[in-house]
Amino acid sequence: MKIGVIGGTGGQGLGIAVRFAQTGEDVIIGSRTVDKAEAAVAKVKELLPGATNVRAMANPDAAKEADVLVLTVPLAAQKDTLLSIKEGAKGKPLLDATGPLESA
């Protein structure tokens, strides 16, 4: 299965990408720019030497290529990001990992 981590260059996205990559899933780190996504892939490969199942793409391309999408952008960027991946995301599961958690 190909997991697209949309906006995967921040701490949350990187953490999710590393965990999926450790399980052997194919991971696509998406970002507004391919350069940022490639830098994130390099960080994942530092943590997981020899990992060949992680690659970089712009968010719209990551959405088209992936089977499942994980949204990891801040709330303020969600609207623009979701509009940019709209076509590629049609019919695919989209998990929003950005909901704030508070203790009771």
Foldseek 3Di string as FASTA:
>chain_A
DEEEEAQLLDPVSLVVQLVCLVVVHQYEYAAQDQVSQQVSVVVSCVVVPPRPRYHYDHLLVSLQPGQAYEYDDEPVCVVVSCVSNVVSNPPHHYHYPHDDDDDD
